[in-house]
All heavy atoms as atom14 arrays in JSON, in Angstrom:
{
  "sequence": "KLQVRPSGKKSYFFRAKCNGKDIKRKIGEVGQITVPMAK",
  "atom14_mask": [
    [1, 1, 1, 1, 1, 1, 1, 1, 1, 0, 0, 0, 0, 0],
    [1, 1, 1, 1, 1, 1, 1, 1, 0, 0, 0, 0, 0, 0],
    [1, 1, 1, 1, 1, 1, 1, 1, 1, 0, 0, 0, 0, 0],
    [1, 1, 1, 1, 1, 1, 1, 0, 0, 0, 0, 0, 0, 0],
    [1, 1, 1, 1, 1, 1, 1, 1, 1, 1, 1, 0, 0, 0],
    [1, 1, 1, 1, 1, 1, 1, 0, 0, 0, 0, 0, 0, 0],
    [1, 1, 1, 1, 1, 1, 0, 0, 0, 0, 0, 0, 0, 0],
    [1, 1, 1, 1, 0, 0, 0, 0, 0, 0, 0, 0, 0, 0],
    [1, 1, 1, 1, 1, 1, 1, 1, 1, 0, 0, 0, 0, 0],
    [1, 1, 1, 1, 1, 1, 1, 1, 1, 0, 0, 0, 0, 0],
    [1, 1, 1, 1, 1, 1, 0, 0, 0, 0, 0, 0, 0, 0],
    [1, 1, 1, 1, 1, 1, 1, 1, 1, 1, 1, 1, 0, 0],
    [1, 1, 1, 1, 1, 1, 1, 1, 1, 1, 1, 0, 0, 0],
    [1, 1, 1, 1, 1, 1, 1, 1, 1, 1, 1, 0, 0, 0],
    [1, 1, 1, 1, 1, 1, 1, 1, 1, 1, 1, 0, 0, 0],
    [1, 1, 1, 1, 1, 0, 0, 0, 0, 0, 0, 0, 0, 0],
    [1, 1, 1, 1, 1, 1, 1, 1, 1, 0, 0, 0, 0, 0],
    [1, 1, 1, 1, 1, 1, 0, 0, 0, 0, 0, 0, 0, 0],
    [1, 1, 1, 1, 1, 1, 1, 1, 0, 0, 0, 0, 0, 0],
    [1, 1, 1, 1, 0, 0, 0, 0, 0, 0, 0, 0, 0, 0],
    [1, 1, 1, 1, 1, 1, 1, 1, 1, 0, 0, 0, 0, 0],
    [1, 1, 1, 1, 1, 1, 1, 1, 0, 0, 0, 0, 0, 0],
    [1, 1, 1, 1, 1, 1, 1, 1, 0, 0, 0, 0, 0, 0],
    [1, 1, 1, 1, 1, 1, 1, 1, 1, 0, 0, 0, 0, 0],
    [1, 1, 1, 1, 1, 1, 1, 1, 1, 1, 1, 0, 0, 0],
    [1, 1, 1, 1, 1, 1, 1, 1, 1, 0, 0, 0, 0, 0],
    [1, 1, 1, 1, 1, 1, 1, 1, 0, 0, 0, 0, 0, 0],
    [1, 1, 1, 1, 0, 0, 0, 0, 0, 0, 0, 0, 0, 0],
    [1, 1, 1, 1, 1, 1, 1, 1, 1, 0, 0, 0, 0, 0],
    [1, 1, 1, 1, 1, 1, 1, 0, 0, 0, 0, 0, 0, 0],
    [1, 1, 1, 1, 0, 0, 0, 0, 0, 0, 0, 0, 0, 0],
    [1, 1, 1, 1, 1, 1, 1, 1, 1, 0, 0, 0, 0, 0],
    [1, 1, 1, 1, 1, 1, 1, 1, 0, 0, 0, 0, 0, 0],
    [1, 1, 1, 1, 1, 1, 1, 0, 0, 0, 0, 0, 0, 0],
    [1, 1, 1, 1, 1, 1, 1, 0, 0, 0, 0, 0, 0, 0],
    [1, 1, 1, 1, 1, 1, 1, 0, 0, 0, 0, 0, 0, 0],
    [1, 1, 1, 1, 1, 1, 1, 1, 0, 0, 0, 0, 0, 0],
    [1, 1, 1, 1, 1, 0, 0, 0, 0, 0, 0, 0, 0, 0],
    [1, 1, 1, 1, 1, 1, 1, 1, 1, 0, 0, 0, 0, 0]
  ],
  "atom14_positions": [
    [[0.1, 2.21, 4.14], [1.04, 3.11, 3.47], [0.55, 3.45, 2.07], [-0.17, 2.67, 1.45], [2.42, 2.47, 3.36], [2.94, 1.82, 4.62], [3.18, 2.82, 5.73], [3.71, 2.1, 6.97], [3.77, 2.91, 8.13], [0.0, 0.0, 0.0], [0.0, 0.0, 0.0], [0.0, 0.0, 0.0], [0.0, 0.0, 0.0], [0.0, 0.0, 0.0]],
    [[0.99, 4.61, 1.59], [0.71, 5.04, 0.23], [2.04, 5.35, -0.42], [2.84, 6.13, 0.12], [-0.18, 6.26, 0.21], [-0.43, 6.86, -1.2], [-1.36, 5.93, -2.0], [-1.04, 8.24, -1.08], [0.0, 0.0, 0.0], [0.0, 0.0, 0.0], [0.0, 0.0, 0.0], [0.0, 0.0, 0.0], [0.0, 0.0, 0.0], [0.0, 0.0, 0.0]],
    [[2.31, 4.73, -1.55], [3.54, 5.0, -2.3], [3.21, 5.77, -3.55], [2.33, 5.35, -4.33], [4.21, 3.67, -2.65], [5.52, 3.82, -3.36], [6.13, 2.49, -3.7], [5.63, 1.78, -4.55], [7.21, 2.13, -3.02], [0.0, 0.0, 0.0], [0.0, 0.0, 0.0], [0.0, 0.0, 0.0], [0.0, 0.0, 0.0], [0.0, 0.0, 0.0]],
    [[3.86, 6.92, -3.72], [3.65, 7.75, -4.91], [4.94, 7.74, -5.7], [5.98, 8.19, -5.22], [3.27, 9.2, -4.52], [3.01, 10.03, -5.78], [2.05, 9.21, -3.61], [0.0, 0.0, 0.0], [0.0, 0.0, 0.0], [0.0, 0.0, 0.0], [0.0, 0.0, 0.0], [0.0, 0.0, 0.0], [0.0, 0.0, 0.0], [0.0, 0.0, 0.0]],
    [[4.88, 7.22, -6.92], [6.08, 7.1, -7.76], [6.2, 8.36, -8.66], [5.23, 9.05, -8.91], [5.98, 5.87, -8.65], [5.97, 4.58, -7.84], [6.12, 3.38, -8.77], [6.38, 2.19, -8.03], [7.6, 1.82, -7.58], [8.63, 2.57, -7.83], [7.75, 0.71, -6.92], [0.0, 0.0, 0.0], [0.0, 0.0, 0.0], [0.0, 0.0, 0.0]],
    [[7.42, 8.59, -9.16], [7.62, 9.74, -10.06], [6.76, 9.66, -11.33], [6.44, 10.68, -11.93], [9.11, 9.66, -10.42], [9.73, 8.91, -9.3], [8.67, 7.96, -8.8], [0.0, 0.0, 0.0], [0.0, 0.0, 0.0], [0.0, 0.0, 0.0], [0.0, 0.0, 0.0], [0.0, 0.0, 0.0], [0.0, 0.0, 0.0], [0.0, 0.0, 0.0]],
    [[6.37, 8.47, -11.72], [5.51, 8.29, -12.9], [4.06, 8.75, -12.63], [3.27, 8.86, -13.54], [5.5, 6.81, -13.32], [4.89, 6.03, -12.29], [0.0, 0.0, 0.0], [0.0, 0.0, 0.0], [0.0, 0.0, 0.0], [0.0, 0.0, 0.0], [0.0, 0.0, 0.0], [0.0, 0.0, 0.0], [0.0, 0.0, 0.0], [0.0, 0.0, 0.0]],
    [[3.74, 8.97, -11.35], [2.37, 9.37, -10.98], [1.54, 8.23, -10.43], [0.44, 8.42, -9.95], [0.0, 0.0, 0.0], [0.0, 0.0, 0.0], [0.0, 0.0, 0.0], [0.0, 0.0, 0.0], [0.0, 0.0, 0.0], [0.0, 0.0, 0.0], [0.0, 0.0, 0.0], [0.0, 0.0, 0.0], [0.0, 0.0, 0.0], [0.0, 0.0, 0.0]],
    [[2.07, 7.01, -10.52], [1.36, 5.82, -10.02], [1.3, 5.87, -8.49], [2.33, 6.09, -7.84], [2.07, 4.54, -10.49], [1.38, 3.29, -10.12], [2.14, 2.1, -10.68], [1.47, 0.79, -10.29], [2.21, -0.35, -10.83], [0.0, 0.0, 0.0], [0.0, 0.0, 0.0], [0.0, 0.0, 0.0], [0.0, 0.0, 0.0], [0.0, 0.0, 0.0]],
    [[0.09, 5.64, -7.92], [-0.11, 5.66, -6.48], [-0.65, 4.31, -6.07], [-1.63, 3.83, -6.61], [-1.09, 6.77, -6.09], [-0.63, 8.17, -6.46], [-1.69, 9.22, -6.2], [-1.31, 10.55, -6.73], [-2.37, 11.55, -6.58], [0.0, 0.0, 0.0], [0.0, 0.0, 0.0], [0.0, 0.0, 0.0], [0.0, 0.0, 0.0], [0.0, 0.0, 0.0]],
    [[0.01, 3.71, -5.07], [-0.35, 2.36, -4.62], [-0.47, 2.33, -3.11], [0.33, 2.93, -2.39], [0.7, 1.34, -5.05], [0.94, 1.37, -6.42], [0.0, 0.0, 0.0], [0.0, 0.0, 0.0], [0.0, 0.0, 0.0], [0.0, 0.0, 0.0], [0.0, 0.0, 0.0], [0.0, 0.0, 0.0], [0.0, 0.0, 0.0], [0.0, 0.0, 0.0]],
    [[-1.47, 1.54, -2.65], [-1.65, 1.29, -1.22], [-0.88, 0.03, -0.83], [-0.89, -0.96, -1.59], [-3.12, 1.06, -0.86], [-4.01, 2.24, -1.1], [-4.94, 2.2, -2.13], [-3.96, 3.35, -0.27], [-5.8, 3.28, -2.34], [-4.82, 4.42, -0.46], [-5.73, 4.39, -1.5], [-6.57, 5.43, -1.7], [0.0, 0.0, 0.0], [0.0, 0.0, 0.0]],
    [[-0.23, 0.08, 0.33], [0.52, -1.06, 0.85], [0.19, -1.26, 2.33], [-0.12, -0.33, 3.03], [2.03, -0.84, 0.73], [2.58, -1.03, -0.64], [2.6, 0.04, -1.54], [3.01, -2.27, -1.08], [3.08, -0.13, -2.81], [3.51, -2.43, -2.36], [3.54, -1.35, -3.23], [0.0, 0.0, 0.0], [0.0, 0.0, 0.0], [0.0, 0.0, 0.0]],
    [[0.29, -2.51, 2.75], [0.25, -2.86, 4.16], [1.72, -3.09, 4.55], [2.46, -3.73, 3.83], [-0.55, -4.15, 4.35], [-0.37, -4.76, 5.71], [-1.1, -4.3, 6.79], [0.58, -5.74, 5.94], [-0.92, -4.83, 8.06], [0.74, -6.29, 7.2], [0.0, -5.82, 8.25], [0.0, 0.0, 0.0], [0.0, 0.0, 0.0], [0.0, 0.0, 0.0]],
    [[2.1, -2.56, 5.71], [3.45, -2.8, 6.18], [3.46, -2.96, 7.69], [2.88, -2.14, 8.41], [4.37, -1.65, 5.77], [5.81, -1.97, 6.05], [6.71, -1.03, 5.31], [8.09, -1.44, 5.54], [9.12, -0.72, 5.19], [8.93, 0.41, 4.59], [10.33, -1.15, 5.43], [0.0, 0.0, 0.0], [0.0, 0.0, 0.0], [0.0, 0.0, 0.0]],
    [[4.08, -4.02, 8.17], [4.2, -4.3, 9.59], [5.38, -5.23, 9.83], [5.99, -5.71, 8.87], [2.9, -4.93, 10.1], [0.0, 0.0, 0.0], [0.0, 0.0, 0.0], [0.0, 0.0, 0.0], [0.0, 0.0, 0.0], [0.0, 0.0, 0.0], [0.0, 0.0, 0.0], [0.0, 0.0, 0.0], [0.0, 0.0, 0.0], [0.0, 0.0, 0.0]],
    [[5.66, -5.49, 11.09], [6.72, -6.45, 11.44], [6.08, -7.66, 12.09], [5.15, -7.55, 12.85], [7.7, -5.82, 12.41], [8.57, -4.78, 11.75], [9.93, -4.76, 12.41], [10.78, -3.71, 11.73], [11.84, -4.3, 10.99], [0.0, 0.0, 0.0], [0.0, 0.0, 0.0], [0.0, 0.0, 0.0], [0.0, 0.0, 0.0], [0.0, 0.0, 0.0]],
    [[6.61, -8.84, 11.76], [6.13, -10.09, 12.35], [7.35, -10.95, 12.65], [8.1, -11.27, 11.71], [5.21, -10.8, 11.35], [4.58, -12.38, 11.98], [0.0, 0.0, 0.0], [0.0, 0.0, 0.0], [0.0, 0.0, 0.0], [0.0, 0.0, 0.0], [0.0, 0.0, 0.0], [0.0, 0.0, 0.0], [0.0, 0.0, 0.0], [0.0, 0.0, 0.0]],
    [[7.56, -11.23, 13.92], [8.71, -12.02, 14.35], [10.03, -11.45, 13.84], [10.91, -12.15, 13.37], [8.59, -13.49, 13.88], [7.37, -14.14, 14.48], [6.98, -13.86, 15.6], [6.74, -15.04, 13.72], [0.0, 0.0, 0.0], [0.0, 0.0, 0.0], [0.0, 0.0, 0.0], [0.0, 0.0, 0.0], [0.0, 0.0, 0.0], [0.0, 0.0, 0.0]],
    [[10.13, -10.1, 13.87], [11.35, -9.43, 13.44], [11.49, -9.26, 11.91], [12.42, -8.66, 11.43], [0.0, 0.0, 0.0], [0.0, 0.0, 0.0], [0.0, 0.0, 0.0], [0.0, 0.0, 0.0], [0.0, 0.0, 0.0], [0.0, 0.0, 0.0], [0.0, 0.0, 0.0], [0.0, 0.0, 0.0], [0.0, 0.0, 0.0], [0.0, 0.0, 0.0]],
    [[10.54, -9.82, 11.18], [10.58, -9.72, 9.71], [9.69, -8.59, 9.25], [8.57, -8.42, 9.76], [10.14, -11.01, 9.06], [11.12, -12.16, 9.25], [10.58, -13.5, 8.83], [10.15, -13.55, 7.38], [9.72, -14.9, 6.97], [0.0, 0.0, 0.0], [0.0, 0.0, 0.0], [0.0, 0.0, 0.0], [0.0, 0.0, 0.0], [0.0, 0.0, 0.0]],
    [[10.15, -7.81, 8.3], [9.37, -6.73, 7.72], [8.4, -7.33, 6.7], [8.81, -8.02, 5.77], [10.3, -5.71, 7.05], [9.58, -4.43, 6.68], [8.67, -4.04, 7.4], [9.95, -3.83, 5.66], [0.0, 0.0, 0.0], [0.0, 0.0, 0.0], [0.0, 0.0, 0.0], [0.0, 0.0, 0.0], [0.0, 0.0, 0.0], [0.0, 0.0, 0.0]],
    [[7.11, -7.1, 6.92], [6.07, -7.62, 6.01], [5.54, -6.46, 5.19], [5.05, -5.48, 5.75], [4.91, -8.27, 6.8], [5.43, -9.36, 7.75], [3.85, -8.81, 5.85], [6.02, -10.54, 7.09], [0.0, 0.0, 0.0], [0.0, 0.0, 0.0], [0.0, 0.0, 0.0], [0.0, 0.0, 0.0], [0.0, 0.0, 0.0], [0.0, 0.0, 0.0]],
    [[5.61, -6.57, 3.89], [5.07, -5.55, 2.99], [4.18, -6.25, 1.97], [4.61, -7.2, 1.33], [6.18, -4.8, 2.3], [5.69, -3.65, 1.43], [6.84, -2.89, 0.8], [6.33, -1.78, -0.09], [7.46, -1.12, -0.8], [0.0, 0.0, 0.0], [0.0, 0.0, 0.0], [0.0, 0.0, 0.0], [0.0, 0.0, 0.0], [0.0, 0.0, 0.0]],
    [[2.97, -5.78, 1.86], [2.01, -6.45, 0.98], [1.2, -5.39, 0.22], [0.65, -4.48, 0.85], [1.09, -7.29, 1.84], [0.17, -8.17, 1.09], [-0.52, -9.09, 2.06], [-1.5, -9.85, 1.38], [-2.4, -10.59, 1.96], [-2.4, -10.7, 3.27], [-3.3, -11.26, 1.28], [0.0, 0.0, 0.0], [0.0, 0.0, 0.0], [0.0, 0.0, 0.0]],
    [[1.13, -5.49, -1.07], [0.39, -4.53, -1.86], [-1.1, -4.77, -1.68], [-1.57, -5.89, -1.75], [0.77, -4.66, -3.35], [0.14, -3.59, -4.2], [0.66, -3.68, -5.62], [0.07, -2.6, -6.46], [0.61, -2.62, -7.83], [0.0, 0.0, 0.0], [0.0, 0.0, 0.0], [0.0, 0.0, 0.0], [0.0, 0.0, 0.0], [0.0, 0.0, 0.0]],
    [[-1.83, -3.66, -1.44], [-3.28, -3.76, -1.26], [-3.99, -3.44, -2.56], [-4.95, -4.12, -2.92], [-3.73, -2.8, -0.14], [-3.16, -3.26, 1.18], [-5.26, -2.75, -0.07], [-3.42, -2.32, 2.33], [0.0, 0.0, 0.0], [0.0, 0.0, 0.0], [0.0, 0.0, 0.0], [0.0, 0.0, 0.0], [0.0, 0.0, 0.0], [0.0, 0.0, 0.0]],
    [[-3.55, -2.43, -3.27], [-4.19, -2.06, -4.52], [-3.74, -0.68, -5.01], [-2.98, 0.01, -4.34], [0.0, 0.0, 0.0], [0.0, 0.0, 0.0], [0.0, 0.0, 0.0], [0.0, 0.0, 0.0], [0.0, 0.0, 0.0], [0.0, 0.0, 0.0], [0.0, 0.0, 0.0], [0.0, 0.0, 0.0], [0.0, 0.0, 0.0], [0.0, 0.0, 0.0]],
    [[-4.24, -0.33, -6.18], [-3.89, 0.94, -6.78], [-4.96, 1.98, -6.46], [-6.15, 1.66, -6.39], [-3.8, 0.79, -8.31], [-2.81, -0.26, -8.78], [-1.35, 0.1, -8.46], [-1.03, 1.29, -8.42], [-0.57, -0.83, -8.28], [0.0, 0.0, 0.0], [0.0, 0.0, 0.0], [0.0, 0.0, 0.0], [0.0, 0.0, 0.0], [0.0, 0.0, 0.0]],
    [[-4.5, 3.23, -6.34], [-5.44, 4.34, -6.18], [-6.24, 4.42, -7.49], [-5.69, 4.31, -8.57], [-4.7, 5.66, -5.93], [-5.65, 6.85, -5.98], [-3.99, 5.6, -4.6], [0.0, 0.0, 0.0], [0.0, 0.0, 0.0], [0.0, 0.0, 0.0], [0.0, 0.0, 0.0], [0.0, 0.0, 0.0], [0.0, 0.0, 0.0], [0.0, 0.0, 0.0]],
    [[-7.53, 4.52, -7.39], [-8.4, 4.51, -8.57], [-9.13, 3.18, -8.7], [-10.21, 3.12, -9.22], [0.0, 0.0, 0.0], [0.0, 0.0, 0.0], [0.0, 0.0, 0.0], [0.0, 0.0, 0.0], [0.0, 0.0, 0.0], [0.0, 0.0, 0.0], [0.0, 0.0, 0.0], [0.0, 0.0, 0.0], [0.0, 0.0, 0.0], [0.0, 0.0, 0.0]],
    [[-8.48, 2.1, -8.25], [-9.12, 0.79, -8.27], [-9.87, 0.53, -6.97], [-10.88, -0.14, -6.97], [-8.08, -0.32, -8.5], [-7.49, -0.34, -9.86], [-6.49, -1.46, -10.01], [-6.01, -2.02, -9.04], [-6.16, -1.78, -11.25], [0.0, 0.0, 0.0], [0.0, 0.0, 0.0], [0.0, 0.0, 0.0], [0.0, 0.0, 0.0], [0.0, 0.0, 0.0]],
    [[-9.33, 1.02, -5.86], [-10.01, 0.89, -4.57], [-10.02, 2.25, -3.89], [-9.14, 3.07, -4.12], [-9.38, -0.18, -3.66], [-7.93, 0.14, -3.34], [-9.51, -1.55, -4.25], [-7.33, -0.81, -2.32], [0.0, 0.0, 0.0], [0.0, 0.0, 0.0], [0.0, 0.0, 0.0], [0.0, 0.0, 0.0], [0.0, 0.0, 0.0], [0.0, 0.0, 0.0]],
    [[-11.01, 2.47, -3.05], [-11.15, 3.75, -2.35], [-10.3, 3.73, -1.06], [-9.84, 2.67, -0.64], [-12.61, 4.01, -1.97], [-13.04, 2.98, -1.05], [-13.5, 4.02, -3.19], [0.0, 0.0, 0.0], [0.0, 0.0, 0.0], [0.0, 0.0, 0.0], [0.0, 0.0, 0.0], [0.0, 0.0, 0.0], [0.0, 0.0, 0.0], [0.0, 0.0, 0.0]],
    [[-10.16, 4.9, -0.48], [-9.42, 5.02, 0.79], [-10.06, 4.16, 1.88], [-9.39, 3.38, 2.56], [-9.29, 6.48, 1.23], [-8.69, 6.58, 2.62], [-8.45, 7.26, 0.23], [0.0, 0.0, 0.0], [0.0, 0.0, 0.0], [0.0, 0.0, 0.0], [0.0, 0.0, 0.0], [0.0, 0.0, 0.0], [0.0, 0.0, 0.0], [0.0, 0.0, 0.0]],
    [[-11.42, 4.23, 2.07], [-12.02, 3.39, 3.11], [-11.8, 1.89, 2.87], [-11.56, 1.14, 3.81], [-13.51, 3.74, 3.06], [-13.56, 5.11, 2.48], [-12.41, 5.16, 1.52], [0.0, 0.0, 0.0], [0.0, 0.0, 0.0], [0.0, 0.0, 0.0], [0.0, 0.0, 0.0], [0.0, 0.0, 0.0], [0.0, 0.0, 0.0], [0.0, 0.0, 0.0]],
    [[-11.86, 1.47, 1.62], [-11.65, 0.05, 1.31], [-10.2, -0.32, 1.61], [-9.94, -1.41, 2.15], [-11.96, -0.22, -0.16], [-11.82, -1.69, -0.53], [-12.96, -2.77, 0.34], [-14.32, -2.72, -0.77], [0.0, 0.0, 0.0], [0.0, 0.0, 0.0], [0.0, 0.0, 0.0], [0.0, 0.0, 0.0], [0.0, 0.0, 0.0], [0.0, 0.0, 0.0]],
    [[-9.25, 0.53, 1.28], [-7.82, 0.26, 1.6], [-7.64, 0.13, 3.12], [-6.89, -0.73, 3.56], [-6.95, 1.36, 1.03], [0.0, 0.0, 0.0], [0.0, 0.0, 0.0], [0.0, 0.0, 0.0], [0.0, 0.0, 0.0], [0.0, 0.0, 0.0], [0.0, 0.0, 0.0], [0.0, 0.0, 0.0], [0.0, 0.0, 0.0], [0.0, 0.0, 0.0]],
    [[-8.32, 0.97, 3.88], [-8.2, 0.91, 5.34], [-8.75, -0.41, 5.88], [-8.16, -1.05, 6.74], [-8.93, 2.08, 6.0], [-8.22, 3.41, 5.76], [-8.98, 4.56, 6.38], [-8.28, 5.9, 6.13], [-8.99, 7.03, 6.72], [0.0, 0.0, 0.0], [0.0, 0.0, 0.0], [0.0, 0.0, 0.0], [0.0, 0.0, 0.0], [0.0, 0.0, 0.0]]
  ]
}
């Protein structure tokens, strides 16, 4: 996932479900890591 905030900050996230629980984990900021690295 990519989250774009009103401030202009863009962040990559991992999001999935595990045993019915929503798992969300920050991967990194746009500019710090590339799209292929985020994938």
